N, C-alpha and C. Protein backbone atom coordinates (compact mmCIF):
# COMPACT_ATOMS: atom_id res chain seq x y z
N MET A 1 32.97 -7.07 -5.30
CA MET A 1 31.80 -6.23 -5.38
C MET A 1 30.54 -7.06 -5.56
N GLY A 2 30.65 -8.16 -6.29
CA GLY A 2 29.50 -9.02 -6.51
C GLY A 2 28.98 -9.64 -5.23
N THR A 3 29.90 -10.04 -4.34
CA THR A 3 29.45 -10.65 -3.08
C THR A 3 28.81 -9.61 -2.17
N GLU A 4 29.28 -8.35 -2.26
CA GLU A 4 28.66 -7.29 -1.45
C GLU A 4 27.23 -7.04 -1.91
N ARG A 5 27.02 -7.01 -3.21
CA ARG A 5 25.67 -6.81 -3.76
C ARG A 5 24.76 -7.98 -3.39
N SER A 6 25.29 -9.19 -3.46
CA SER A 6 24.54 -10.38 -3.08
C SER A 6 24.19 -10.35 -1.60
N SER A 7 25.15 -9.91 -0.79
CA SER A 7 24.93 -9.81 0.64
C SER A 7 23.83 -8.79 0.95
N ASN A 8 23.84 -7.66 0.23
CA ASN A 8 22.80 -6.64 0.43
C ASN A 8 21.43 -7.19 0.06
N ARG A 9 21.35 -7.94 -1.04
CA ARG A 9 20.08 -8.54 -1.44
C ARG A 9 19.58 -9.52 -0.41
N ASP A 10 20.49 -10.34 0.10
CA ASP A 10 20.11 -11.30 1.14
C ASP A 10 19.64 -10.58 2.39
N SER A 11 20.33 -9.49 2.75
CA SER A 11 19.95 -8.73 3.93
C SER A 11 18.57 -8.11 3.74
N GLU A 12 18.31 -7.55 2.56
CA GLU A 12 16.98 -6.98 2.28
C GLU A 12 15.91 -8.05 2.32
N ARG A 13 16.19 -9.20 1.72
CA ARG A 13 15.22 -10.29 1.71
C ARG A 13 14.91 -10.74 3.14
N ASN A 14 15.96 -10.87 3.96
CA ASN A 14 15.76 -11.28 5.35
C ASN A 14 14.94 -10.24 6.11
N ALA A 15 15.20 -8.96 5.84
CA ALA A 15 14.44 -7.89 6.51
C ALA A 15 12.97 -7.97 6.13
N TRP A 16 12.68 -8.18 4.83
CA TRP A 16 11.28 -8.29 4.39
C TRP A 16 10.61 -9.51 5.03
N GLU A 17 11.33 -10.62 5.05
CA GLU A 17 10.76 -11.84 5.65
C GLU A 17 10.48 -11.64 7.14
N GLU A 18 11.40 -11.00 7.84
CA GLU A 18 11.19 -10.74 9.26
C GLU A 18 10.00 -9.80 9.47
N HIS A 19 9.88 -8.80 8.61
CA HIS A 19 8.74 -7.89 8.71
C HIS A 19 7.43 -8.64 8.48
N ALA A 20 7.40 -9.48 7.46
CA ALA A 20 6.19 -10.25 7.17
C ALA A 20 5.83 -11.15 8.35
N LEU A 21 6.82 -11.79 8.94
CA LEU A 21 6.56 -12.64 10.11
C LEU A 21 6.07 -11.82 11.30
N SER A 22 6.63 -10.63 11.48
CA SER A 22 6.17 -9.80 12.60
C SER A 22 4.73 -9.36 12.39
N GLN A 23 4.35 -9.09 11.15
CA GLN A 23 2.97 -8.73 10.85
C GLN A 23 2.03 -9.90 11.13
N LEU A 24 2.45 -11.10 10.75
CA LEU A 24 1.64 -12.28 11.03
C LEU A 24 1.51 -12.53 12.52
N ARG A 25 2.60 -12.34 13.27
CA ARG A 25 2.54 -12.50 14.72
C ARG A 25 1.58 -11.48 15.33
N TYR A 26 1.65 -10.25 14.85
CA TYR A 26 0.77 -9.21 15.37
C TYR A 26 -0.70 -9.56 15.07
N PHE A 27 -0.99 -9.96 13.84
CA PHE A 27 -2.36 -10.31 13.46
C PHE A 27 -2.86 -11.47 14.32
N ARG A 28 -2.00 -12.43 14.56
CA ARG A 28 -2.39 -13.59 15.38
C ARG A 28 -2.71 -13.18 16.81
N SER A 29 -2.08 -12.10 17.28
CA SER A 29 -2.31 -11.66 18.66
C SER A 29 -3.63 -10.89 18.83
N LEU A 30 -4.26 -10.50 17.73
CA LEU A 30 -5.49 -9.71 17.81
C LEU A 30 -6.67 -10.58 18.25
N SER A 31 -7.65 -9.94 18.87
CA SER A 31 -8.89 -10.64 19.20
C SER A 31 -9.66 -10.90 17.91
N LEU A 32 -10.65 -11.76 17.98
CA LEU A 32 -11.45 -12.06 16.80
C LEU A 32 -12.12 -10.80 16.27
N ARG A 33 -12.64 -9.97 17.16
CA ARG A 33 -13.28 -8.71 16.75
C ARG A 33 -12.29 -7.81 16.00
N GLU A 34 -11.07 -7.69 16.53
CA GLU A 34 -10.05 -6.86 15.89
C GLU A 34 -9.65 -7.42 14.53
N LYS A 35 -9.59 -8.75 14.44
CA LYS A 35 -9.27 -9.38 13.15
C LYS A 35 -10.36 -9.09 12.13
N MET A 36 -11.62 -9.20 12.56
CA MET A 36 -12.74 -8.93 11.65
C MET A 36 -12.72 -7.46 11.19
N GLU A 37 -12.43 -6.55 12.11
CA GLU A 37 -12.36 -5.13 11.74
C GLU A 37 -11.22 -4.88 10.75
N ALA A 38 -10.09 -5.55 10.95
CA ALA A 38 -8.97 -5.40 10.03
C ALA A 38 -9.32 -5.91 8.64
N VAL A 39 -9.98 -7.06 8.58
CA VAL A 39 -10.36 -7.64 7.29
C VAL A 39 -11.41 -6.75 6.61
N GLU A 40 -12.35 -6.20 7.38
CA GLU A 40 -13.34 -5.28 6.80
C GLU A 40 -12.65 -4.04 6.23
N GLY A 41 -11.65 -3.54 6.95
CA GLY A 41 -10.91 -2.38 6.46
C GLY A 41 -10.18 -2.69 5.16
N MET A 42 -9.59 -3.88 5.07
CA MET A 42 -8.92 -4.28 3.83
C MET A 42 -9.91 -4.39 2.69
N ALA A 43 -11.11 -4.90 2.98
CA ALA A 43 -12.16 -5.02 1.95
C ALA A 43 -12.59 -3.63 1.49
N ASP A 44 -12.66 -2.65 2.40
CA ASP A 44 -13.00 -1.27 2.02
C ASP A 44 -11.96 -0.71 1.05
N VAL A 45 -10.70 -0.95 1.35
CA VAL A 45 -9.63 -0.47 0.47
C VAL A 45 -9.74 -1.14 -0.91
N LEU A 46 -9.99 -2.42 -0.93
CA LEU A 46 -10.14 -3.15 -2.19
C LEU A 46 -11.30 -2.58 -3.01
N ARG A 47 -12.45 -2.33 -2.34
CA ARG A 47 -13.59 -1.76 -3.07
C ARG A 47 -13.25 -0.38 -3.64
N ARG A 48 -12.52 0.43 -2.88
CA ARG A 48 -12.14 1.76 -3.35
C ARG A 48 -11.22 1.65 -4.56
N PHE A 49 -10.27 0.73 -4.51
CA PHE A 49 -9.39 0.52 -5.66
C PHE A 49 -10.18 0.07 -6.88
N GLU A 50 -11.16 -0.80 -6.69
CA GLU A 50 -11.99 -1.25 -7.81
C GLU A 50 -12.77 -0.08 -8.40
N GLU A 51 -13.32 0.80 -7.55
CA GLU A 51 -14.03 1.98 -8.04
C GLU A 51 -13.08 2.87 -8.85
N MET A 52 -11.90 3.09 -8.31
CA MET A 52 -10.92 3.94 -8.99
C MET A 52 -10.54 3.35 -10.34
N ARG A 53 -10.34 2.03 -10.39
CA ARG A 53 -9.97 1.38 -11.64
C ARG A 53 -11.10 1.51 -12.66
N ALA A 54 -12.37 1.35 -12.21
CA ALA A 54 -13.51 1.45 -13.11
C ALA A 54 -13.65 2.86 -13.68
N LYS A 55 -13.26 3.87 -12.90
CA LYS A 55 -13.35 5.26 -13.35
C LYS A 55 -12.08 5.72 -14.08
N GLY A 56 -11.11 4.84 -14.18
CA GLY A 56 -9.87 5.21 -14.85
C GLY A 56 -8.95 6.06 -13.98
N GLU A 57 -9.19 6.08 -12.69
CA GLU A 57 -8.38 6.90 -11.78
C GLU A 57 -7.17 6.15 -11.23
N PHE A 58 -7.14 4.86 -11.42
CA PHE A 58 -6.10 4.03 -10.83
C PHE A 58 -5.08 3.67 -11.90
N ARG A 59 -3.83 4.01 -11.66
CA ARG A 59 -2.78 3.67 -12.60
C ARG A 59 -1.64 2.99 -11.86
N SER A 60 -0.99 2.09 -12.53
CA SER A 60 0.18 1.48 -11.91
C SER A 60 1.38 2.38 -12.18
N ALA A 61 2.41 2.24 -11.42
CA ALA A 61 3.61 3.07 -11.58
C ALA A 61 4.27 2.83 -12.92
N SER A 62 4.10 1.65 -13.50
CA SER A 62 4.73 1.34 -14.77
C SER A 62 3.87 1.73 -15.96
N ALA A 63 2.68 2.25 -15.71
CA ALA A 63 1.78 2.65 -16.80
C ALA A 63 2.26 3.96 -17.41
N ASP A 64 1.41 4.60 -18.16
CA ASP A 64 1.69 5.85 -18.84
C ASP A 64 2.37 6.84 -17.90
N PRO A 65 3.55 7.33 -18.22
CA PRO A 65 4.27 8.22 -17.31
C PRO A 65 3.74 9.65 -17.27
N THR A 66 2.72 9.97 -18.05
CA THR A 66 2.19 11.32 -18.02
C THR A 66 1.54 11.58 -16.67
N PRO A 67 1.64 12.81 -16.17
CA PRO A 67 1.04 13.10 -14.86
C PRO A 67 -0.48 13.03 -14.92
N PRO A 68 -1.12 12.72 -13.80
CA PRO A 68 -2.58 12.66 -13.80
C PRO A 68 -3.17 14.01 -14.13
N ARG A 69 -4.34 13.99 -14.75
CA ARG A 69 -4.96 15.26 -15.13
C ARG A 69 -5.43 16.00 -13.88
N ALA A 70 -5.50 17.31 -14.00
CA ALA A 70 -5.91 18.13 -12.87
C ALA A 70 -7.37 17.87 -12.55
N ALA A 71 -7.71 17.94 -11.27
CA ALA A 71 -9.09 17.72 -10.85
C ALA A 71 -9.95 18.87 -11.36
N SER A 72 -11.12 18.54 -11.88
CA SER A 72 -12.01 19.59 -12.35
C SER A 72 -12.73 20.21 -11.17
N SER A 73 -13.34 21.37 -11.39
CA SER A 73 -14.02 22.07 -10.30
C SER A 73 -15.25 21.30 -9.84
N ALA A 74 -15.74 20.33 -10.65
CA ALA A 74 -16.92 19.56 -10.28
C ALA A 74 -16.59 18.51 -9.21
N HIS A 75 -15.30 18.19 -9.08
CA HIS A 75 -14.88 17.17 -8.11
C HIS A 75 -14.38 17.85 -6.85
N GLU A 76 -14.38 17.08 -5.78
CA GLU A 76 -13.83 17.59 -4.53
C GLU A 76 -12.32 17.76 -4.68
N PRO A 77 -11.75 18.72 -3.99
CA PRO A 77 -10.29 18.90 -4.10
C PRO A 77 -9.55 17.70 -3.52
N SER A 78 -8.35 17.48 -4.03
CA SER A 78 -7.54 16.38 -3.53
C SER A 78 -7.09 16.67 -2.12
N PRO A 79 -6.94 15.61 -1.30
CA PRO A 79 -6.44 15.82 0.06
C PRO A 79 -4.98 16.24 0.01
N PRO A 80 -4.49 16.87 1.07
CA PRO A 80 -3.07 17.26 1.09
C PRO A 80 -2.19 16.02 1.06
N PRO A 81 -0.95 16.15 0.60
CA PRO A 81 -0.06 14.99 0.56
C PRO A 81 0.19 14.44 1.95
N TYR A 82 0.50 13.16 2.00
CA TYR A 82 0.77 12.47 3.25
C TYR A 82 2.06 13.01 3.86
N ASP A 83 2.02 13.29 5.14
CA ASP A 83 3.20 13.76 5.87
C ASP A 83 3.52 12.74 6.96
N ALA A 84 4.61 12.02 6.80
CA ALA A 84 4.98 10.97 7.75
C ALA A 84 5.36 11.53 9.11
N ASN A 85 5.61 12.82 9.19
CA ASN A 85 6.03 13.43 10.45
C ASN A 85 4.85 13.81 11.34
N LYS A 86 3.65 13.65 10.87
CA LYS A 86 2.47 14.00 11.68
C LYS A 86 1.95 12.81 12.42
């Protein structure tokens, strides 16, 4: 049983490594303009996370397990949950 678990870990690690390499290959194939747009998009996400952290809206999964407080009527409603089938 131990070798099966080890084999599964190795298989998962190899899958992650292959995925990371495929992402790097894809990024390398982009034009300079596309690369700049991708980096700008990543910077936008980083800025949003920093705003959320400053407002106390950002929590890690290992933080306080209490559910987030309900949005007040002064804030915009939350977007619908992500649907991978759309």
